[in-house]
Amino acid sequence: VTPWQFADLKALGITQERAEHEVLWVSPVGAVHGGA
């Protein structure tokens, strides 16, 4: 669990805009799920 402010967003494959918009779950294979 990490705040986006301290995460390596690029390495996780997510943008700051998306991280500001919703909670995100990044799977071990890089799939990103947001919100609910």
PDB file of all heavy atoms in Angstrom:
ATOM      1  N   VAL A   1       0.855  -1.182   0.000  1.00  0.00           N
ATOM      2  CA  VAL A   1       0.000   0.000   0.000  1.00  0.00           C
ATOM      3  C   VAL A   1       0.888   1.227   0.000  1.00  0.00           C
ATOM      4  O   VAL A   1       1.792   1.350   0.826  1.00  0.00           O
ATOM      5  CB  VAL A   1      -0.920   0.009   1.246  1.00  0.00           C
ATOM      6  CG1 VAL A   1      -1.788   1.248   1.270  1.00  0.00           C
ATOM      7  CG2 VAL A   1      -1.772  -1.253   1.282  1.00  0.00           C
ATOM      8  N   THR A   2       0.626   2.146  -0.937  1.00  0.00           N
ATOM      9  CA  THR A   2       1.463   3.340  -1.029  1.00  0.00           C
ATOM     10  C   THR A   2       0.661   4.538  -1.539  1.00  0.00           C
ATOM     11  O   THR A   2      -0.189   4.378  -2.417  1.00  0.00           O
ATOM     12  CB  THR A   2       2.680   3.095  -1.947  1.00  0.00           C
ATOM     13  OG1 THR A   2       3.542   4.224  -1.908  1.00  0.00           O
ATOM     14  CG2 THR A   2       2.275   2.844  -3.386  1.00  0.00           C
ATOM     15  N   PRO A   3       0.920   5.729  -0.983  1.00  0.00           N
ATOM     16  CA  PRO A   3       0.298   6.937  -1.551  1.00  0.00           C
ATOM     17  C   PRO A   3       0.907   7.208  -2.921  1.00  0.00           C
ATOM     18  O   PRO A   3       2.095   6.942  -3.131  1.00  0.00           O
ATOM     19  CB  PRO A   3       0.667   8.045  -0.564  1.00  0.00           C
ATOM     20  CG  PRO A   3       1.483   7.434   0.503  1.00  0.00           C
ATOM     21  CD  PRO A   3       1.733   6.014   0.179  1.00  0.00           C
ATOM     22  N   TRP A   4       0.114   7.724  -3.833  1.00  0.00           N
ATOM     23  CA  TRP A   4       0.642   7.974  -5.174  1.00  0.00           C
ATOM     24  C   TRP A   4       1.768   9.000  -5.129  1.00  0.00           C
ATOM     25  O   TRP A   4       2.663   8.993  -5.974  1.00  0.00           O
ATOM     26  CB  TRP A   4      -0.458   8.370  -6.160  1.00  0.00           C
ATOM     27  CG  TRP A   4      -1.072   9.728  -5.977  1.00  0.00           C
ATOM     28  CD1 TRP A   4      -2.270  10.006  -5.411  1.00  0.00           C
ATOM     29  CD2 TRP A   4      -0.545  10.989  -6.383  1.00  0.00           C
ATOM     30  NE1 TRP A   4      -2.506  11.359  -5.424  1.00  0.00           N
ATOM     31  CE2 TRP A   4      -1.464  11.992  -6.023  1.00  0.00           C
ATOM     32  CE3 TRP A   4       0.626  11.386  -7.026  1.00  0.00           C
ATOM     33  CZ2 TRP A   4      -1.264  13.336  -6.274  1.00  0.00           C
ATOM     34  CZ3 TRP A   4       0.832  12.743  -7.276  1.00  0.00           C
ATOM     35  CH2 TRP A   4      -0.107  13.695  -6.906  1.00  0.00           C
ATOM     36  N   GLN A   5       1.749   9.879  -4.120  1.00  0.00           N
ATOM     37  CA  GLN A   5       2.761  10.915  -4.014  1.00  0.00           C
ATOM     38  C   GLN A   5       4.166  10.331  -3.816  1.00  0.00           C
ATOM     39  O   GLN A   5       5.154  10.988  -4.100  1.00  0.00           O
ATOM     40  CB  GLN A   5       2.443  11.879  -2.862  1.00  0.00           C
ATOM     41  CG  GLN A   5       1.210  12.714  -3.097  1.00  0.00           C
ATOM     42  CD  GLN A   5      -0.106  12.048  -2.700  1.00  0.00           C
ATOM     43  OE1 GLN A   5      -0.181  10.850  -2.435  1.00  0.00           O
ATOM     44  NE2 GLN A   5      -1.177  12.824  -2.680  1.00  0.00           N
ATOM     45  N   PHE A   6       4.254   9.092  -3.321  1.00  0.00           N
ATOM     46  CA  PHE A   6       5.546   8.453  -3.084  1.00  0.00           C
ATOM     47  C   PHE A   6       5.765   7.232  -3.970  1.00  0.00           C
ATOM     48  O   PHE A   6       6.752   6.526  -3.799  1.00  0.00           O
ATOM     49  CB  PHE A   6       5.685   8.052  -1.613  1.00  0.00           C
ATOM     50  CG  PHE A   6       5.644   9.234  -0.689  1.00  0.00           C
ATOM     51  CD1 PHE A   6       4.705   9.291   0.329  1.00  0.00           C
ATOM     52  CD2 PHE A   6       6.516  10.299  -0.834  1.00  0.00           C
ATOM     53  CE1 PHE A   6       4.656  10.384   1.188  1.00  0.00           C
ATOM     54  CE2 PHE A   6       6.472  11.387   0.008  1.00  0.00           C
ATOM     55  CZ  PHE A   6       5.540  11.436   1.027  1.00  0.00           C
ATOM     56  N   ALA A   7       4.851   6.955  -4.874  1.00  0.00           N
ATOM     57  CA  ALA A   7       4.956   5.784  -5.749  1.00  0.00           C
ATOM     58  C   ALA A   7       5.690   6.149  -7.036  1.00  0.00           C
ATOM     59  O   ALA A   7       5.672   7.298  -7.477  1.00  0.00           O
ATOM     60  CB  ALA A   7       3.558   5.271  -6.082  1.00  0.00           C
ATOM     61  N   ASP A   8       6.322   5.166  -7.633  1.00  0.00           N
ATOM     62  CA  ASP A   8       6.923   5.325  -8.956  1.00  0.00           C
ATOM     63  C   ASP A   8       5.814   5.050  -9.965  1.00  0.00           C
ATOM     64  O   ASP A   8       5.637   3.915 -10.418  1.00  0.00           O
ATOM     65  CB  ASP A   8       8.102   4.369  -9.128  1.00  0.00           C
ATOM     66  CG  ASP A   8       8.838   4.567 -10.442  1.00  0.00           C
ATOM     67  OD1 ASP A   8       8.331   5.294 -11.328  1.00  0.00           O
ATOM     68  OD2 ASP A   8       9.931   3.976 -10.588  1.00  0.00           O
ATOM     69  N   LEU A   9       5.036   6.081 -10.262  1.00  0.00           N
ATOM     70  CA  LEU A   9       3.849   5.917 -11.097  1.00  0.00           C
ATOM     71  C   LEU A   9       4.204   5.375 -12.478  1.00  0.00           C
ATOM     72  O   LEU A   9       3.500   4.519 -13.014  1.00  0.00           O
ATOM     73  CB  LEU A   9       3.094   7.243 -11.215  1.00  0.00           C
ATOM     74  CG  LEU A   9       2.553   7.815  -9.902  1.00  0.00           C
ATOM     75  CD1 LEU A   9       1.858   9.146 -10.151  1.00  0.00           C
ATOM     76  CD2 LEU A   9       1.617   6.835  -9.212  1.00  0.00           C
ATOM     77  N   LYS A  10       5.285   5.861 -13.045  1.00  0.00           N
ATOM     78  CA  LYS A  10       5.680   5.406 -14.382  1.00  0.00           C
ATOM     79  C   LYS A  10       5.968   3.909 -14.366  1.00  0.00           C
ATOM     80  O   LYS A  10       5.526   3.179 -15.245  1.00  0.00           O
ATOM     81  CB  LYS A  10       6.902   6.181 -14.866  1.00  0.00           C
ATOM     82  CG  LYS A  10       7.297   5.852 -16.275  1.00  0.00           C
ATOM     83  CD  LYS A  10       8.429   6.720 -16.754  1.00  0.00           C
ATOM     84  CE  LYS A  10       8.795   6.370 -18.181  1.00  0.00           C
ATOM     85  NZ  LYS A  10       9.925   7.155 -18.666  1.00  0.00           N
ATOM     86  N   ALA A  11       6.689   3.436 -13.361  1.00  0.00           N
ATOM     87  CA  ALA A  11       7.006   2.007 -13.267  1.00  0.00           C
ATOM     88  C   ALA A  11       5.744   1.172 -13.071  1.00  0.00           C
ATOM     89  O   ALA A  11       5.679   0.026 -13.517  1.00  0.00           O
ATOM     90  CB  ALA A  11       7.984   1.747 -12.127  1.00  0.00           C
ATOM     91  N   LEU A  12       4.741   1.744 -12.409  1.00  0.00           N
ATOM     92  CA  LEU A  12       3.484   1.030 -12.177  1.00  0.00           C
ATOM     93  C   LEU A  12       2.545   1.092 -13.385  1.00  0.00           C
ATOM     94  O   LEU A  12       1.532   0.404 -13.409  1.00  0.00           O
ATOM     95  CB  LEU A  12       2.770   1.587 -10.938  1.00  0.00           C
ATOM     96  CG  LEU A  12       3.467   1.317  -9.605  1.00  0.00           C
ATOM     97  CD1 LEU A  12       2.776   2.085  -8.484  1.00  0.00           C
ATOM     98  CD2 LEU A  12       3.495  -0.172  -9.309  1.00  0.00           C
ATOM     99  N   GLY A  13       2.876   1.953 -14.351  1.00  0.00           N
ATOM    100  CA  GLY A  13       2.049   2.061 -15.552  1.00  0.00           C
ATOM    101  C   GLY A  13       0.806   2.900 -15.372  1.00  0.00           C
ATOM    102  O   GLY A  13      -0.194   2.682 -16.053  1.00  0.00           O
ATOM    103  N   ILE A  14       0.864   3.872 -14.463  1.00  0.00           N
ATOM    104  CA  ILE A  14      -0.286   4.751 -14.247  1.00  0.00           C
ATOM    105  C   ILE A  14       0.152   6.207 -14.329  1.00  0.00           C
ATOM    106  O   ILE A  14       1.311   6.534 -14.106  1.00  0.00           O
ATOM    107  CB  ILE A  14      -0.989   4.475 -12.896  1.00  0.00           C
ATOM    108  CG1 ILE A  14      -0.010   4.542 -11.727  1.00  0.00           C
ATOM    109  CG2 ILE A  14      -1.670   3.128 -12.920  1.00  0.00           C
ATOM    110  CD1 ILE A  14      -0.634   4.281 -10.372  1.00  0.00           C
ATOM    111  N   THR A  15      -0.792   7.055 -14.665  1.00  0.00           N
ATOM    112  CA  THR A  15      -0.508   8.480 -14.745  1.00  0.00           C
ATOM    113  C   THR A  15      -0.901   9.171 -13.444  1.00  0.00           C
ATOM    114  O   THR A  15      -1.741   8.660 -12.698  1.00  0.00           O
ATOM    115  CB  THR A  15      -1.300   9.135 -15.897  1.00  0.00           C
ATOM    116  OG1 THR A  15      -2.702   9.018 -15.613  1.00  0.00           O
ATOM    117  CG2 THR A  15      -0.967   8.487 -17.245  1.00  0.00           C
ATOM    118  N   GLN A  16      -0.312  10.326 -13.211  1.00  0.00           N
ATOM    119  CA  GLN A  16      -0.666  11.096 -12.021  1.00  0.00           C
ATOM    120  C   GLN A  16      -2.132  11.505 -12.075  1.00  0.00           C
ATOM    121  O   GLN A  16      -2.825  11.479 -11.054  1.00  0.00           O
ATOM    122  CB  GLN A  16       0.215  12.335 -11.886  1.00  0.00           C
ATOM    123  CG  GLN A  16      -0.133  13.163 -10.667  1.00  0.00           C
ATOM    124  CD  GLN A  16       0.770  14.357 -10.458  1.00  0.00           C
ATOM    125  OE1 GLN A  16       1.929  14.341 -10.857  1.00  0.00           O
ATOM    126  NE2 GLN A  16       0.251  15.394  -9.842  1.00  0.00           N
ATOM    127  N   GLU A  17      -2.616  11.854 -13.261  1.00  0.00           N
ATOM    128  CA  GLU A  17      -4.020  12.257 -13.400  1.00  0.00           C
ATOM    129  C   GLU A  17      -4.954  11.143 -12.921  1.00  0.00           C
ATOM    130  O   GLU A  17      -5.927  11.405 -12.224  1.00  0.00           O
ATOM    131  CB  GLU A  17      -4.340  12.620 -14.857  1.00  0.00           C
ATOM    132  CG  GLU A  17      -3.650  13.885 -15.339  1.00  0.00           C
ATOM    133  CD  GLU A  17      -2.189  13.663 -15.759  1.00  0.00           C
ATOM    134  OE1 GLU A  17      -1.750  12.512 -15.921  1.00  0.00           O
ATOM    135  OE2 GLU A  17      -1.471  14.665 -15.905  1.00  0.00           O
ATOM    136  N   ARG A  18      -4.645   9.914 -13.302  1.00  0.00           N
ATOM    137  CA  ARG A  18      -5.504   8.811 -12.873  1.00  0.00           C
ATOM    138  C   ARG A  18      -5.357   8.564 -11.380  1.00  0.00           C
ATOM    139  O   ARG A  18      -6.343   8.295 -10.687  1.00  0.00           O
ATOM    140  CB  ARG A  18      -5.183   7.533 -13.654  1.00  0.00           C
ATOM    141  CG  ARG A  18      -6.159   6.424 -13.290  1.00  0.00           C
ATOM    142  CD  ARG A  18      -6.211   5.309 -14.256  1.00  0.00           C
ATOM    143  NE  ARG A  18      -7.268   4.380 -13.867  1.00  0.00           N
ATOM    144  CZ  ARG A  18      -7.343   3.140 -14.293  1.00  0.00           C
ATOM    145  NH1 ARG A  18      -6.432   2.676 -15.124  1.00  0.00           N
ATOM    146  NH2 ARG A  18      -8.328   2.366 -13.885  1.00  0.00           N
ATOM    147  N   ALA A  19      -4.139   8.636 -10.868  1.00  0.00           N
ATOM    148  CA  ALA A  19      -3.906   8.408  -9.438  1.00  0.00           C
ATOM    149  C   ALA A  19      -4.608   9.463  -8.586  1.00  0.00           C
ATOM    150  O   ALA A  19      -5.044   9.171  -7.475  1.00  0.00           O
ATOM    151  CB  ALA A  19      -2.410   8.399  -9.146  1.00  0.00           C
ATOM    152  N   GLU A  20      -4.719  10.692  -9.087  1.00  0.00           N
ATOM    153  CA  GLU A  20      -5.430  11.748  -8.366  1.00  0.00           C
ATOM    154  C   GLU A  20      -6.935  11.501  -8.374  1.00  0.00           C
ATOM    155  O   GLU A  20      -7.649  11.980  -7.505  1.00  0.00           O
ATOM    156  CB  GLU A  20      -5.167  13.114  -9.008  1.00  0.00           C
ATOM    157  CG  GLU A  20      -3.779  13.650  -8.780  1.00  0.00           C
ATOM    158  CD  GLU A  20      -3.560  14.982  -9.486  1.00  0.00           C
ATOM    159  OE1 GLU A  20      -4.475  15.492 -10.167  1.00  0.00           O
ATOM    160  OE2 GLU A  20      -2.459  15.511  -9.358  1.00  0.00           O
ATOM    161  N   HIS A  21      -7.418  10.753  -9.353  1.00  0.00           N
ATOM    162  CA  HIS A  21      -8.850  10.574  -9.591  1.00  0.00           C
ATOM    163  C   HIS A  21      -9.469   9.432  -8.785  1.00  0.00           C
ATOM    164  O   HIS A  21     -10.636   9.514  -8.388  1.00  0.00           O
ATOM    165  CB  HIS A  21      -9.064  10.333 -11.087  1.00  0.00           C
ATOM    166  CG  HIS A  21     -10.471  10.139 -11.503  1.00  0.00           C
ATOM    167  ND1 HIS A  21     -11.405  11.143 -11.474  1.00  0.00           N
ATOM    168  CD2 HIS A  21     -11.123   9.046 -11.952  1.00  0.00           C
ATOM    169  CE1 HIS A  21     -12.562  10.672 -11.896  1.00  0.00           C
ATOM    170  NE2 HIS A  21     -12.415   9.409 -12.187  1.00  0.00           N
ATOM    171  N   GLU A  22      -8.693   8.355  -8.538  1.00  0.00           N
ATOM    172  CA  GLU A  22      -9.272   7.178  -7.894  1.00  0.00           C
ATOM    173  C   GLU A  22      -8.188   6.303  -7.276  1.00  0.00           C
ATOM    174  O   GLU A  22      -7.027   6.389  -7.639  1.00  0.00           O
ATOM    175  CB  GLU A  22     -10.079   6.347  -8.900  1.00  0.00           C
ATOM    176  CG  GLU A  22      -9.249   5.837 -10.059  1.00  0.00           C
ATOM    177  CD  GLU A  22     -10.068   5.193 -11.155  1.00  0.00           C
ATOM    178  OE1 GLU A  22     -11.262   4.895 -10.943  1.00  0.00           O
ATOM    179  OE2 GLU A  22      -9.515   4.974 -12.239  1.00  0.00           O
ATOM    180  N   VAL A  23      -8.613   5.456  -6.334  1.00  0.00           N
ATOM    181  CA  VAL A  23      -7.707   4.461  -5.771  1.00  0.00           C
ATOM    182  C   VAL A  23      -7.425   3.447  -6.878  1.00  0.00           C
ATOM    183  O   VAL A  23      -8.294   3.168  -7.708  1.00  0.00           O
ATOM    184  CB  VAL A  23      -8.325   3.794  -4.512  1.00  0.00           C
ATOM    185  CG1 VAL A  23      -9.549   2.989  -4.842  1.00  0.00           C
ATOM    186  CG2 VAL A  23      -7.313   2.941  -3.791  1.00  0.00           C
ATOM    187  N   LEU A  24      -6.191   2.930  -6.909  1.00  0.00           N
ATOM    188  CA  LEU A  24      -5.799   2.019  -7.979  1.00  0.00           C
ATOM    189  C   LEU A  24      -5.182   0.740  -7.429  1.00  0.00           C
ATOM    190  O   LEU A  24      -4.433   0.781  -6.445  1.00  0.00           O
ATOM    191  CB  LEU A  24      -4.786   2.705  -8.910  1.00  0.00           C
ATOM    192  CG  LEU A  24      -5.302   3.953  -9.618  1.00  0.00           C
ATOM    193  CD1 LEU A  24      -4.153   4.722 -10.240  1.00  0.00           C
ATOM    194  CD2 LEU A  24      -6.333   3.583 -10.660  1.00  0.00           C
ATOM    195  N   TRP A  25      -5.480  -0.364  -8.072  1.00  0.00           N
ATOM    196  CA  TRP A  25      -4.905  -1.674  -7.752  1.00  0.00           C
ATOM    197  C   TRP A  25      -4.088  -2.082  -8.961  1.00  0.00           C
ATOM    198  O   TRP A  25      -4.614  -2.203 -10.068  1.00  0.00           O
ATOM    199  CB  TRP A  25      -6.019  -2.678  -7.513  1.00  0.00           C
ATOM    200  CG  TRP A  25      -5.549  -4.056  -7.206  1.00  0.00           C
ATOM    201  CD1 TRP A  25      -5.293  -5.054  -8.113  1.00  0.00           C
ATOM    202  CD2 TRP A  25      -5.284  -4.609  -5.920  1.00  0.00           C
ATOM    203  NE1 TRP A  25      -4.894  -6.176  -7.456  1.00  0.00           N
ATOM    204  CE2 TRP A  25      -4.879  -5.940  -6.099  1.00  0.00           C
ATOM    205  CE3 TRP A  25      -5.359  -4.100  -4.620  1.00  0.00           C
ATOM    206  CZ2 TRP A  25      -4.538  -6.776  -5.048  1.00  0.00           C
ATOM    207  CZ3 TRP A  25      -5.022  -4.934  -3.562  1.00  0.00           C
ATOM    208  CH2 TRP A  25      -4.627  -6.252  -3.782  1.00  0.00           C
ATOM    209  N   VAL A  26      -2.789  -2.282  -8.767  1.00  0.00           N
ATOM    210  CA  VAL A  26      -1.909  -2.714  -9.851  1.00  0.00           C
ATOM    211  C   VAL A  26      -1.523  -4.162  -9.570  1.00  0.00           C
ATOM    212  O   VAL A  26      -0.902  -4.462  -8.539  1.00  0.00           O
ATOM    213  CB  VAL A  26      -0.654  -1.826  -9.952  1.00  0.00           C
ATOM    214  CG1 VAL A  26       0.214  -2.254 -11.133  1.00  0.00           C
ATOM    215  CG2 VAL A  26      -1.041  -0.353 -10.077  1.00  0.00           C
ATOM    216  N   SER A  27      -1.898  -5.058 -10.477  1.00  0.00           N
ATOM    217  CA  SER A  27      -1.620  -6.482 -10.292  1.00  0.00           C
ATOM    218  C   SER A  27      -0.151  -6.779 -10.600  1.00  0.00           C
ATOM    219  O   SER A  27       0.535  -5.965 -11.228  1.00  0.00           O
ATOM    220  CB  SER A  27      -2.523  -7.319 -11.202  1.00  0.00           C
ATOM    221  OG  SER A  27      -2.034  -7.279 -12.527  1.00  0.00           O
ATOM    222  N   PRO A  28       0.331  -7.949 -10.192  1.00  0.00           N
ATOM    223  CA  PRO A  28       1.722  -8.308 -10.480  1.00  0.00           C
ATOM    224  C   PRO A  28       2.074  -8.317 -11.971  1.00  0.00           C
ATOM    225  O   PRO A  28       3.230  -8.137 -12.321  1.00  0.00           O
ATOM    226  CB  PRO A  28       1.862  -9.713  -9.874  1.00  0.00           C
ATOM    227  CG  PRO A  28       0.880  -9.726  -8.758  1.00  0.00           C
ATOM    228  CD  PRO A  28      -0.293  -8.921  -9.291  1.00  0.00           C
ATOM    229  N   VAL A  29       1.086  -8.508 -12.842  1.00  0.00           N
ATOM    230  CA  VAL A  29       1.368  -8.496 -14.281  1.00  0.00           C
ATOM    231  C   VAL A  29       1.123  -7.123 -14.908  1.00  0.00           C
ATOM    232  O   VAL A  29       1.214  -6.967 -16.116  1.00  0.00           O
ATOM    233  CB  VAL A  29       0.560  -9.578 -15.038  1.00  0.00           C
ATOM    234  CG1 VAL A  29       0.979 -10.963 -14.597  1.00  0.00           C
ATOM    235  CG2 VAL A  29      -0.928  -9.366 -14.871  1.00  0.00           C
ATOM    236  N   GLY A  30       0.793  -6.125 -14.079  1.00  0.00           N
ATOM    237  CA  GLY A  30       0.649  -4.758 -14.564  1.00  0.00           C
ATOM    238  C   GLY A  30      -0.759  -4.330 -14.913  1.00  0.00           C
ATOM    239  O   GLY A  30      -0.965  -3.215 -15.376  1.00  0.00           O
ATOM    240  N   ALA A  31      -1.763  -5.187 -14.702  1.00  0.00           N
ATOM    241  CA  ALA A  31      -3.150  -4.780 -14.953  1.00  0.00           C
ATOM    242  C   ALA A  31      -3.546  -3.760 -13.885  1.00  0.00           C
ATOM    243  O   ALA A  31      -3.234  -3.940 -12.704  1.00  0.00           O
ATOM    244  CB  ALA A  31      -4.083  -5.984 -14.901  1.00  0.00           C
ATOM    245  N   VAL A  32      -4.216  -2.691 -14.316  1.00  0.00           N
ATOM    246  CA  VAL A  32      -4.606  -1.623 -13.397  1.00  0.00           C
ATOM    247  C   VAL A  32      -6.130  -1.585 -13.287  1.00  0.00           C
ATOM    248  O   VAL A  32      -6.831  -1.534 -14.296  1.00  0.00           O
ATOM    249  CB  VAL A  32      -4.077  -0.252 -13.872  1.00  0.00           C
ATOM    250  CG1 VAL A  32      -4.494   0.853 -12.909  1.00  0.00           C
ATOM    251  CG2 VAL A  32      -2.565  -0.284 -14.037  1.00  0.00           C
ATOM    252  N   HIS A  33      -6.611  -1.631 -12.051  1.00  0.00           N
ATOM    253  CA  HIS A  33      -8.045  -1.545 -11.774  1.00  0.00           C
ATOM    254  C   HIS A  33      -8.253  -0.321 -10.885  1.00  0.00           C
ATOM    255  O   HIS A  33      -7.498  -0.099  -9.945  1.00  0.00           O
ATOM    256  CB  HIS A  33      -8.527  -2.799 -11.044  1.00  0.00           C
ATOM    257  CG  HIS A  33      -8.215  -4.054 -11.787  1.00  0.00           C
ATOM    258  ND1 HIS A  33      -9.049  -4.569 -12.745  1.00  0.00           N
ATOM    259  CD2 HIS A  33      -7.142  -4.881 -11.736  1.00  0.00           C
ATOM    260  CE1 HIS A  33      -8.515  -5.664 -13.246  1.00  0.00           C
ATOM    261  NE2 HIS A  33      -7.353  -5.874 -12.645  1.00  0.00           N
ATOM    262  N   GLY A  34      -9.290   0.463 -11.198  1.00  0.00           N
ATOM    263  CA  GLY A  34      -9.517   1.678 -10.434  1.00  0.00           C
ATOM    264  C   GLY A  34     -10.861   1.714  -9.749  1.00  0.00           C
ATOM    265  O   GLY A  34     -11.778   0.971 -10.091  1.00  0.00           O
ATOM    266  N   GLY A  35     -10.955   2.591  -8.744  1.00  0.00           N
ATOM    267  CA  GLY A  35     -12.212   2.833  -8.053  1.00  0.00           C
ATOM    268  C   GLY A  35     -12.744   1.615  -7.333  1.00  0.00           C
ATOM    269  O   GLY A  35     -12.027   0.922  -6.615  1.00  0.00           O
ATOM    270  N   ALA A  36     -14.028   1.326  -7.545  1.00  0.00           N
ATOM    271  CA  ALA A  36     -14.686   0.216  -6.866  1.00  0.00           C
ATOM    272  C   ALA A  36     -14.046  -1.118  -7.221  1.00  0.00           C
ATOM    273  O   ALA A  36     -13.997  -2.031  -6.390  1.00  0.00           O
ATOM    274  CB  ALA A  36     -16.175   0.198  -7.212  1.00  0.00           C
TER     275      ALA A  36
END
